[in-house]
Amino acid sequence: MNRYMPITGHDCNIPYLLIDTQAPIDVLHDAAAYRIHAVTQLLESFSVPDSPRHEPAFLQELTLVCSIMLRDGCDLMDVTGRRLQEKLSS
């Protein structure tokens, strides 16, 4: 595994946001959990039955923000999983 892995959320020829795959596992896990929990809390705030109806453009922007944060979290969890697998294999 390369030391620095670009995030997959944005398709670009020049990677500009990278994950340090050799960072401590607890740091990688914490960064992933932070993003996933933030998205969960945001989505839960919109699931309240009494919330006002939102414009489609607003909901589209909301889903974009959530998908970016979830992709980052999934990328971090992927690196964490690989690192844990390496530890189990050695």
PDB file of N, CA and C in Angstrom:
ATOM      1  N   MET A   1       0.852  -1.167   0.000  1.00  0.00           N
ATOM      2  CA  MET A   1       0.000   0.000   0.000  1.00  0.00           C
ATOM      3  C   MET A   1       0.902   1.237   0.000  1.00  0.00           C
ATOM      4  N   ASN A   2       0.593   2.178  -0.897  1.00  0.00           N
ATOM      5  CA  ASN A   2       1.347   3.430  -0.955  1.00  0.00           C
ATOM      6  C   ASN A   2       1.162   4.226   0.328  1.00  0.00           C
ATOM      7  N   ARG A   3       2.155   5.027   0.675  1.00  0.00           N
ATOM      8  CA  ARG A   3       2.091   5.815   1.906  1.00  0.00           C
ATOM      9  C   ARG A   3       0.912   6.780   1.883  1.00  0.00           C
ATOM     10  N   TYR A   4       0.690   7.461   0.765  1.00  0.00           N
ATOM     11  CA  TYR A   4      -0.396   8.432   0.666  1.00  0.00           C
ATOM     12  C   TYR A   4      -1.397   7.985  -0.390  1.00  0.00           C
ATOM     13  N   MET A   5      -2.651   7.927   0.010  1.00  0.00           N
ATOM     14  CA  MET A   5      -3.726   7.491  -0.881  1.00  0.00           C
ATOM     15  C   MET A   5      -4.672   8.665  -1.116  1.00  0.00           C
ATOM     16  N   PRO A   6      -4.950   8.998  -2.387  1.00  0.00           N
ATOM     17  CA  PRO A   6      -5.899  10.089  -2.629  1.00  0.00           C
ATOM     18  C   PRO A   6      -7.316   9.669  -2.253  1.00  0.00           C
ATOM     19  N   ILE A   7      -8.108  10.637  -1.786  1.00  0.00           N
ATOM     20  CA  ILE A   7      -9.506  10.320  -1.515  1.00  0.00           C
ATOM     21  C   ILE A   7     -10.203  10.063  -2.842  1.00  0.00           C
ATOM     22  N   THR A   8     -11.269   9.295  -2.807  1.00  0.00           N
ATOM     23  CA  THR A   8     -11.961   8.927  -4.049  1.00  0.00           C
ATOM     24  C   THR A   8     -13.142   9.827  -4.358  1.00  0.00           C
ATOM     25  N   GLY A   9     -13.465  10.761  -3.471  1.00  0.00           N
ATOM     26  CA  GLY A   9     -14.653  11.584  -3.645  1.00  0.00           C
ATOM     27  C   GLY A   9     -14.606  12.572  -4.781  1.00  0.00           C
ATOM     28  N   HIS A  10     -13.437  12.894  -5.283  1.00  0.00           N
ATOM     29  CA  HIS A  10     -13.330  13.889  -6.336  1.00  0.00           C
ATOM     30  C   HIS A  10     -12.378  13.374  -7.396  1.00  0.00           C
ATOM     31  N   ASP A  11     -12.892  13.220  -8.601  1.00  0.00           N
ATOM     32  CA  ASP A  11     -12.086  12.709  -9.706  1.00  0.00           C
ATOM     33  C   ASP A  11     -11.225  13.834 -10.266  1.00  0.00           C
ATOM     34  N   CYS A  12      -9.924  13.715 -10.087  1.00  0.00           N
ATOM     35  CA  CYS A  12      -9.006  14.770 -10.519  1.00  0.00           C
ATOM     36  C   CYS A  12      -7.687  14.121 -10.937  1.00  0.00           C
ATOM     37  N   ASN A  13      -7.046  14.690 -11.940  1.00  0.00           N
ATOM     38  CA  ASN A  13      -5.768  14.145 -12.403  1.00  0.00           C
ATOM     39  C   ASN A  13      -4.646  14.344 -11.397  1.00  0.00           C
ATOM     40  N   ILE A  14      -4.734  15.414 -10.607  1.00  0.00           N
ATOM     41  CA  ILE A  14      -3.711  15.711  -9.612  1.00  0.00           C
ATOM     42  C   ILE A  14      -4.339  15.567  -8.232  1.00  0.00           C
ATOM     43  N   PRO A  15      -4.022  14.488  -7.500  1.00  0.00           N
ATOM     44  CA  PRO A  15      -4.607  14.321  -6.167  1.00  0.00           C
ATOM     45  C   PRO A  15      -4.181  15.459  -5.243  1.00  0.00           C
ATOM     46  N   TYR A  16      -5.135  15.998  -4.504  1.00  0.00           N
ATOM     47  CA  TYR A  16      -4.825  17.117  -3.619  1.00  0.00           C
ATOM     48  C   TYR A  16      -5.233  16.854  -2.185  1.00  0.00           C
ATOM     49  N   LEU A  17      -6.078  15.895  -1.949  1.00  0.00           N
ATOM     50  CA  LEU A  17      -6.416  15.474  -0.593  1.00  0.00           C
ATOM     51  C   LEU A  17      -5.986  14.024  -0.440  1.00  0.00           C
ATOM     52  N   LEU A  18      -5.095  13.781   0.496  1.00  0.00           N
ATOM     53  CA  LEU A  18      -4.495  12.463   0.644  1.00  0.00           C
ATOM     54  C   LEU A  18      -4.684  11.928   2.050  1.00  0.00           C
ATOM     55  N   ILE A  19      -4.758  10.617   2.146  1.00  0.00           N
ATOM     56  CA  ILE A  19      -4.813   9.930   3.433  1.00  0.00           C
ATOM     57  C   ILE A  19      -3.433   9.327   3.675  1.00  0.00           C
ATOM     58  N   ASP A  20      -2.865   9.604   4.836  1.00  0.00           N
ATOM     59  CA  ASP A  20      -1.588   8.994   5.219  1.00  0.00           C
ATOM     60  C   ASP A  20      -1.899   7.578   5.696  1.00  0.00           C
ATOM     61  N   THR A  21      -1.612   6.601   4.860  1.00  0.00           N
ATOM     62  CA  THR A  21      -1.953   5.214   5.182  1.00  0.00           C
ATOM     63  C   THR A  21      -1.121   4.657   6.327  1.00  0.00           C
ATOM     64  N   GLN A  22      -0.065   5.371   6.722  1.00  0.00           N
ATOM     65  CA  GLN A  22       0.760   4.913   7.832  1.00  0.00           C
ATOM     66  C   GLN A  22       0.462   5.660   9.133  1.00  0.00           C
ATOM     67  N   ALA A  23      -0.580   6.472   9.120  1.00  0.00           N
ATOM     68  CA  ALA A  23      -0.998   7.146  10.358  1.00  0.00           C
ATOM     69  C   ALA A  23      -1.459   6.084  11.347  1.00  0.00           C
ATOM     70  N   PRO A  24      -1.420   6.379  12.632  1.00  0.00           N
ATOM     71  CA  PRO A  24      -1.894   5.399  13.616  1.00  0.00           C
ATOM     72  C   PRO A  24      -3.342   4.984  13.329  1.00  0.00           C
ATOM     73  N   ILE A  25      -3.621   3.705  13.524  1.00  0.00           N
ATOM     74  CA  ILE A  25      -4.946   3.168  13.209  1.00  0.00           C
ATOM     75  C   ILE A  25      -6.044   3.892  13.978  1.00  0.00           C
ATOM     76  N   ASP A  26      -5.790   4.229  15.240  1.00  0.00           N
ATOM     77  CA  ASP A  26      -6.834   4.909  16.008  1.00  0.00           C
ATOM     78  C   ASP A  26      -7.127   6.298  15.447  1.00  0.00           C
ATOM     79  N   VAL A  27      -6.132   6.958  14.869  1.00  0.00           N
ATOM     80  CA  VAL A  27      -6.331   8.279  14.261  1.00  0.00           C
ATOM     81  C   VAL A  27      -7.161   8.137  12.983  1.00  0.00           C
ATOM     82  N   LEU A  28      -6.849   7.142  12.167  1.00  0.00           N
ATOM     83  CA  LEU A  28      -7.626   6.890  10.951  1.00  0.00           C
ATOM     84  C   LEU A  28      -9.077   6.569  11.294  1.00  0.00           C
ATOM     85  N   HIS A  29      -9.262   5.697  12.286  1.00  0.00           N
ATOM     86  CA  HIS A  29     -10.610   5.313  12.696  1.00  0.00           C
ATOM     87  C   HIS A  29     -11.383   6.509  13.235  1.00  0.00           C
ATOM     88  N   ASP A  30     -10.725   7.335  14.052  1.00  0.00           N
ATOM     89  CA  ASP A  30     -11.377   8.509  14.627  1.00  0.00           C
ATOM     90  C   ASP A  30     -11.806   9.491  13.535  1.00  0.00           C
ATOM     91  N   ALA A  31     -10.958   9.697  12.535  1.00  0.00           N
ATOM     92  CA  ALA A  31     -11.297  10.607  11.434  1.00  0.00           C
ATOM     93  C   ALA A  31     -12.500  10.081  10.644  1.00  0.00           C
ATOM     94  N   ALA A  32     -12.536   8.771  10.416  1.00  0.00           N
ATOM     95  CA  ALA A  32     -13.671   8.165   9.707  1.00  0.00           C
ATOM     96  C   ALA A  32     -14.944   8.273  10.537  1.00  0.00           C
ATOM     97  N   ALA A  33     -14.850   7.935  11.805  1.00  0.00           N
ATOM     98  CA  ALA A  33     -16.022   7.975  12.679  1.00  0.00           C
ATOM     99  C   ALA A  33     -16.580   9.389  12.788  1.00  0.00           C
ATOM    100  N   TYR A  34     -15.707  10.383  12.863  1.00  0.00           N
ATOM    101  CA  TYR A  34     -16.141  11.780  12.966  1.00  0.00           C
ATOM    102  C   TYR A  34     -17.000  12.169  11.765  1.00  0.00           C
ATOM    103  N   ARG A  35     -16.550  11.812  10.571  1.00  0.00           N
ATOM    104  CA  ARG A  35     -17.291  12.154   9.357  1.00  0.00           C
ATOM    105  C   ARG A  35     -18.611  11.404   9.270  1.00  0.00           C
ATOM    106  N   ILE A  36     -18.591  10.128   9.586  1.00  0.00           N
ATOM    107  CA  ILE A  36     -19.810   9.324   9.498  1.00  0.00           C
ATOM    108  C   ILE A  36     -20.832   9.774  10.543  1.00  0.00           C
ATOM    109  N   HIS A  37     -20.394  10.078  11.747  1.00  0.00           N
ATOM    110  CA  HIS A  37     -21.314  10.563  12.787  1.00  0.00           C
ATOM    111  C   HIS A  37     -21.889  11.928  12.407  1.00  0.00           C
ATOM    112  N   ALA A  38     -21.082  12.800  11.825  1.00  0.00           N
ATOM    113  CA  ALA A  38     -21.572  14.119  11.421  1.00  0.00           C
ATOM    114  C   ALA A  38     -22.682  13.992  10.380  1.00  0.00           C
ATOM    115  N   VAL A  39     -22.491  13.117   9.407  1.00  0.00           N
ATOM    116  CA  VAL A  39     -23.520  12.899   8.386  1.00  0.00           C
ATOM    117  C   VAL A  39     -24.769  12.304   9.022  1.00  0.00           C
ATOM    118  N   THR A  40     -24.589  11.359   9.919  1.00  0.00           N
ATOM    119  CA  THR A  40     -25.728  10.739  10.586  1.00  0.00           C
ATOM    120  C   THR A  40     -26.551  11.779  11.344  1.00  0.00           C
ATOM    121  N   GLN A  41     -25.878  12.642  12.099  1.00  0.00           N
ATOM    122  CA  GLN A  41     -26.592  13.679  12.853  1.00  0.00           C
ATOM    123  C   GLN A  41     -27.300  14.652  11.923  1.00  0.00           C
ATOM    124  N   LEU A  42     -26.664  15.022  10.829  1.00  0.00           N
ATOM    125  CA  LEU A  42     -27.281  15.930   9.874  1.00  0.00           C
ATOM    126  C   LEU A  42     -28.537  15.308   9.261  1.00  0.00           C
ATOM    127  N   LEU A  43     -28.427  14.064   8.824  1.00  0.00           N
ATOM    128  CA  LEU A  43     -29.582  13.396   8.223  1.00  0.00           C
ATOM    129  C   LEU A  43     -30.704  13.180   9.230  1.00  0.00           C
ATOM    130  N   GLU A  44     -30.339  12.858  10.469  1.00  0.00           N
ATOM    131  CA  GLU A  44     -31.366  12.678  11.493  1.00  0.00           C
ATOM    132  C   GLU A  44     -32.113  13.977  11.763  1.00  0.00           C
ATOM    133  N   SER A  45     -31.433  15.103  11.659  1.00  0.00           N
ATOM    134  CA  SER A  45     -32.108  16.379  11.898  1.00  0.00           C
ATOM    135  C   SER A  45     -33.158  16.668  10.822  1.00  0.00           C
ATOM    136  N   PHE A  46     -33.015  16.081   9.649  1.00  0.00           N
ATOM    137  CA  PHE A  46     -33.997  16.282   8.580  1.00  0.00           C
ATOM    138  C   PHE A  46     -35.074  15.206   8.567  1.00  0.00           C
ATOM    139  N   SER A  47     -34.967  14.225   9.437  1.00  0.00           N
ATOM    140  CA  SER A  47     -35.968  13.159   9.463  1.00  0.00           C
ATOM    141  C   SER A  47     -37.106  13.448  10.431  1.00  0.00           C
ATOM    142  N   VAL A  48     -37.055  14.581  11.110  1.00  0.00           N
ATOM    143  CA  VAL A  48     -38.106  14.963  12.047  1.00  0.00           C
ATOM    144  C   VAL A  48     -39.386  15.225  11.254  1.00  0.00           C
ATOM    145  N   PRO A  49     -40.492  14.588  11.660  1.00  0.00           N
ATOM    146  CA  PRO A  49     -41.736  14.741  10.894  1.00  0.00           C
ATOM    147  C   PRO A  49     -42.254  16.180  10.803  1.00  0.00           C
ATOM    148  N   ASP A  50     -41.944  17.016  11.783  1.00  0.00           N
ATOM    149  CA  ASP A  50     -42.453  18.385  11.789  1.00  0.00           C
ATOM    150  C   ASP A  50     -41.580  19.361  11.003  1.00  0.00           C
ATOM    151  N   SER A  51     -40.498  18.873  10.397  1.00  0.00           N
ATOM    152  CA  SER A  51     -39.604  19.798   9.692  1.00  0.00           C
ATOM    153  C   SER A  51     -40.304  20.367   8.462  1.00  0.00           C
ATOM    154  N   PRO A  52     -40.018  21.614   8.144  1.00  0.00           N
ATOM    155  CA  PRO A  52     -40.666  22.235   6.979  1.00  0.00           C
ATOM    156  C   PRO A  52     -40.201  21.588   5.680  1.00  0.00           C
ATOM    157  N   ARG A  53     -41.012  21.699   4.689  1.00  0.00           N
ATOM    158  CA  ARG A  53     -40.675  21.140   3.383  1.00  0.00           C
ATOM    159  C   ARG A  53     -39.531  21.949   2.773  1.00  0.00           C
ATOM    160  N   HIS A  54     -38.560  21.240   2.187  1.00  0.00           N
ATOM    161  CA  HIS A  54     -37.381  21.901   1.648  1.00  0.00           C
ATOM    162  C   HIS A  54     -37.418  21.904   0.122  1.00  0.00           C
ATOM    163  N   GLU A  55     -36.787  22.901  -0.434  1.00  0.00           N
ATOM    164  CA  GLU A  55     -36.687  23.027  -1.883  1.00  0.00           C
ATOM    165  C   GLU A  55     -35.793  21.920  -2.446  1.00  0.00           C
ATOM    166  N   PRO A  56     -36.096  21.422  -3.651  1.00  0.00           N
ATOM    167  CA  PRO A  56     -35.257  20.385  -4.260  1.00  0.00           C
ATOM    168  C   PRO A  56     -33.786  20.783  -4.386  1.00  0.00           C
ATOM    169  N   ALA A  57     -33.508  22.039  -4.696  1.00  0.00           N
ATOM    170  CA  ALA A  57     -32.112  22.474  -4.830  1.00  0.00           C
ATOM    171  C   ALA A  57     -31.378  22.350  -3.505  1.00  0.00           C
ATOM    172  N   PHE A  58     -32.056  22.684  -2.413  1.00  0.00           N
ATOM    173  CA  PHE A  58     -31.456  22.546  -1.085  1.00  0.00           C
ATOM    174  C   PHE A  58     -31.173  21.089  -0.769  1.00  0.00           C
ATOM    175  N   LEU A  59     -32.130  20.227  -1.058  1.00  0.00           N
ATOM    176  CA  LEU A  59     -31.936  18.797  -0.791  1.00  0.00           C
ATOM    177  C   LEU A  59     -30.826  18.216  -1.654  1.00  0.00           C
ATOM    178  N   GLN A  60     -30.685  18.714  -2.867  1.00  0.00           N
ATOM    179  CA  GLN A  60     -29.603  18.257  -3.739  1.00  0.00           C
ATOM    180  C   GLN A  60     -28.245  18.641  -3.148  1.00  0.00           C
ATOM    181  N   GLU A  61     -28.126  19.871  -2.652  1.00  0.00           N
ATOM    182  CA  GLU A  61     -26.882  20.309  -2.021  1.00  0.00           C
ATOM    183  C   GLU A  61     -26.602  19.504  -0.758  1.00  0.00           C
ATOM    184  N   LEU A  62     -27.640  19.225   0.006  1.00  0.00           N
ATOM    185  CA  LEU A  62     -27.495  18.425   1.226  1.00  0.00           C
ATOM    186  C   LEU A  62     -26.972  17.031   0.901  1.00  0.00           C
ATOM    187  N   THR A  63     -27.530  16.401  -0.117  1.00  0.00           N
ATOM    188  CA  THR A  63     -27.071  15.053  -0.465  1.00  0.00           C
ATOM    189  C   THR A  63     -25.633  15.067  -0.974  1.00  0.00           C
ATOM    190  N   LEU A  64     -25.238  16.141  -1.659  1.00  0.00           N
ATOM    191  CA  LEU A  64     -23.852  16.245  -2.128  1.00  0.00           C
ATOM    192  C   LEU A  64     -22.894  16.315  -0.941  1.00  0.00           C
ATOM    193  N   VAL A  65     -23.212  17.166   0.035  1.00  0.00           N
ATOM    194  CA  VAL A  65     -22.366  17.289   1.227  1.00  0.00           C
ATOM    195  C   VAL A  65     -22.272  15.953   1.951  1.00  0.00           C
ATOM    196  N   CYS A  66     -23.407  15.284   2.109  1.00  0.00           N
ATOM    197  CA  CYS A  66     -23.410  13.990   2.802  1.00  0.00           C
ATOM    198  C   CYS A  66     -22.589  12.950   2.050  1.00  0.00           C
ATOM    199  N   SER A  67     -22.714  12.927   0.738  1.00  0.00           N
ATOM    200  CA  SER A  67     -21.974  11.916  -0.031  1.00  0.00           C
ATOM    201  C   SER A  67     -20.468  12.163   0.041  1.00  0.00           C
ATOM    202  N   ILE A  68     -20.041  13.428   0.040  1.00  0.00           N
ATOM    203  CA  ILE A  68     -18.614  13.736   0.155  1.00  0.00           C
ATOM    204  C   ILE A  68     -18.078  13.244   1.500  1.00  0.00           C
ATOM    205  N   MET A  69     -18.788  13.575   2.570  1.00  0.00           N
ATOM    206  CA  MET A  69     -18.329  13.180   3.901  1.00  0.00           C
ATOM    207  C   MET A  69     -18.349  11.660   4.071  1.00  0.00           C
ATOM    208  N   LEU A  70     -19.371  11.003   3.521  1.00  0.00           N
ATOM    209  CA  LEU A  70     -19.427   9.547   3.627  1.00  0.00           C
ATOM    210  C   LEU A  70     -18.321   8.875   2.816  1.00  0.00           C
ATOM    211  N   ARG A  71     -18.020   9.403   1.630  1.00  0.00           N
ATOM    212  CA  ARG A  71     -16.916   8.832   0.842  1.00  0.00           C
ATOM    213  C   ARG A  71     -15.595   8.962   1.581  1.00  0.00           C
ATOM    214  N   ASP A  72     -15.353  10.134   2.158  1.00  0.00           N
ATOM    215  CA  ASP A  72     -14.127  10.318   2.948  1.00  0.00           C
ATOM    216  C   ASP A  72     -14.070   9.308   4.086  1.00  0.00           C
ATOM    217  N   GLY A  73     -15.184   9.153   4.791  1.00  0.00           N
ATOM    218  CA  GLY A  73     -15.238   8.195   5.895  1.00  0.00           C
ATOM    219  C   GLY A  73     -15.003   6.774   5.427  1.00  0.00           C
ATOM    220  N   CYS A  74     -15.587   6.420   4.299  1.00  0.00           N
ATOM    221  CA  CYS A  74     -15.392   5.065   3.758  1.00  0.00           C
ATOM    222  C   CYS A  74     -13.945   4.842   3.323  1.00  0.00           C
ATOM    223  N   ASP A  75     -13.327   5.856   2.718  1.00  0.00           N
ATOM    224  CA  ASP A  75     -11.915   5.745   2.341  1.00  0.00           C
ATOM    225  C   ASP A  75     -11.048   5.518   3.577  1.00  0.00           C
ATOM    226  N   LEU A  76     -11.320   6.279   4.627  1.00  0.00           N
ATOM    227  CA  LEU A  76     -10.563   6.118   5.871  1.00  0.00           C
ATOM    228  C   LEU A  76     -10.795   4.741   6.488  1.00  0.00           C
ATOM    229  N   MET A  77     -12.030   4.265   6.467  1.00  0.00           N
ATOM    230  CA  MET A  77     -12.318   2.930   7.004  1.00  0.00           C
ATOM    231  C   MET A  77     -11.644   1.847   6.157  1.00  0.00           C
ATOM    232  N   ASP A  78     -11.548   2.069   4.846  1.00  0.00           N
ATOM    233  CA  ASP A  78     -10.865   1.120   3.967  1.00  0.00           C
ATOM    234  C   ASP A  78      -9.397   0.993   4.350  1.00  0.00           C
ATOM    235  N   VAL A  79      -8.738   2.128   4.568  1.00  0.00           N
ATOM    236  CA  VAL A  79      -7.328   2.106   4.980  1.00  0.00           C
ATOM    237  C   VAL A  79      -7.196   1.440   6.345  1.00  0.00           C
ATOM    238  N   THR A  80      -8.093   1.771   7.270  1.00  0.00           N
ATOM    239  CA  THR A  80      -8.062   1.158   8.602  1.00  0.00           C
ATOM    240  C   THR A  80      -8.212  -0.351   8.506  1.00  0.00           C
ATOM    241  N   GLY A  81      -9.144  -0.809   7.687  1.00  0.00           N
ATOM    242  CA  GLY A  81      -9.345  -2.249   7.502  1.00  0.00           C
ATOM    243  C   GLY A  81      -8.133  -2.940   6.923  1.00  0.00           C
ATOM    244  N   ARG A  82      -7.513  -2.317   5.938  1.00  0.00           N
ATOM    245  CA  ARG A  82      -6.299  -2.899   5.347  1.00  0.00           C
ATOM    246  C   ARG A  82      -5.175  -2.987   6.366  1.00  0.00           C
ATOM    247  N   ARG A  83      -5.026  -1.928   7.160  1.00  0.00           N
ATOM    248  CA  ARG A  83      -3.974  -1.922   8.179  1.00  0.00           C
ATOM    249  C   ARG A  83      -4.215  -3.013   9.208  1.00  0.00           C
ATOM    250  N   LEU A  84      -5.458  -3.183   9.630  1.00  0.00           N
ATOM    251  CA  LEU A  84      -5.782  -4.238  10.602  1.00  0.00           C
ATOM    252  C   LEU A  84      -5.543  -5.628  10.001  1.00  0.00           C
ATOM    253  N   GLN A  85      -5.891  -5.777   8.725  1.00  0.00           N
ATOM    254  CA  GLN A  85      -5.647  -7.051   8.034  1.00  0.00           C
ATOM    255  C   GLN A  85      -4.165  -7.346   7.982  1.00  0.00           C
ATOM    256  N   GLU A  86      -3.337  -6.349   7.708  1.00  0.00           N
ATOM    257  CA  GLU A  86      -1.888  -6.531   7.683  1.00  0.00           C
ATOM    258  C   GLU A  86      -1.368  -6.977   9.042  1.00  0.00           C
ATOM    259  N   LYS A  87      -1.899  -6.384  10.105  1.00  0.00           N
ATOM    260  CA  LYS A  87      -1.468  -6.775  11.456  1.00  0.00           C
ATOM    261  C   LYS A  87      -1.855  -8.214  11.763  1.00  0.00           C
ATOM    262  N   LEU A  88      -3.033  -8.619  11.328  1.00  0.00           N
ATOM    263  CA  LEU A  88      -3.470  -9.997  11.581  1.00  0.00           C
ATOM    264  C   LEU A  88      -2.672 -11.009  10.776  1.00  0.00           C
ATOM    265  N   SER A  89      -2.245 -10.598   9.574  1.00  0.00           N
ATOM    266  CA  SER A  89      -1.490 -11.503   8.710  1.00  0.00           C
ATOM    267  C   SER A  89      -0.044 -11.678   9.145  1.00  0.00           C
ATOM    268  N   SER A  90       0.499 -10.704   9.879  1.00  0.00           N
ATOM    269  CA  SER A  90       1.919 -10.796  10.242  1.00  0.00           C
ATOM    270  C   SER A  90       2.133 -11.492  11.561  1.00  0.00           C
TER     271      SER A  90
END
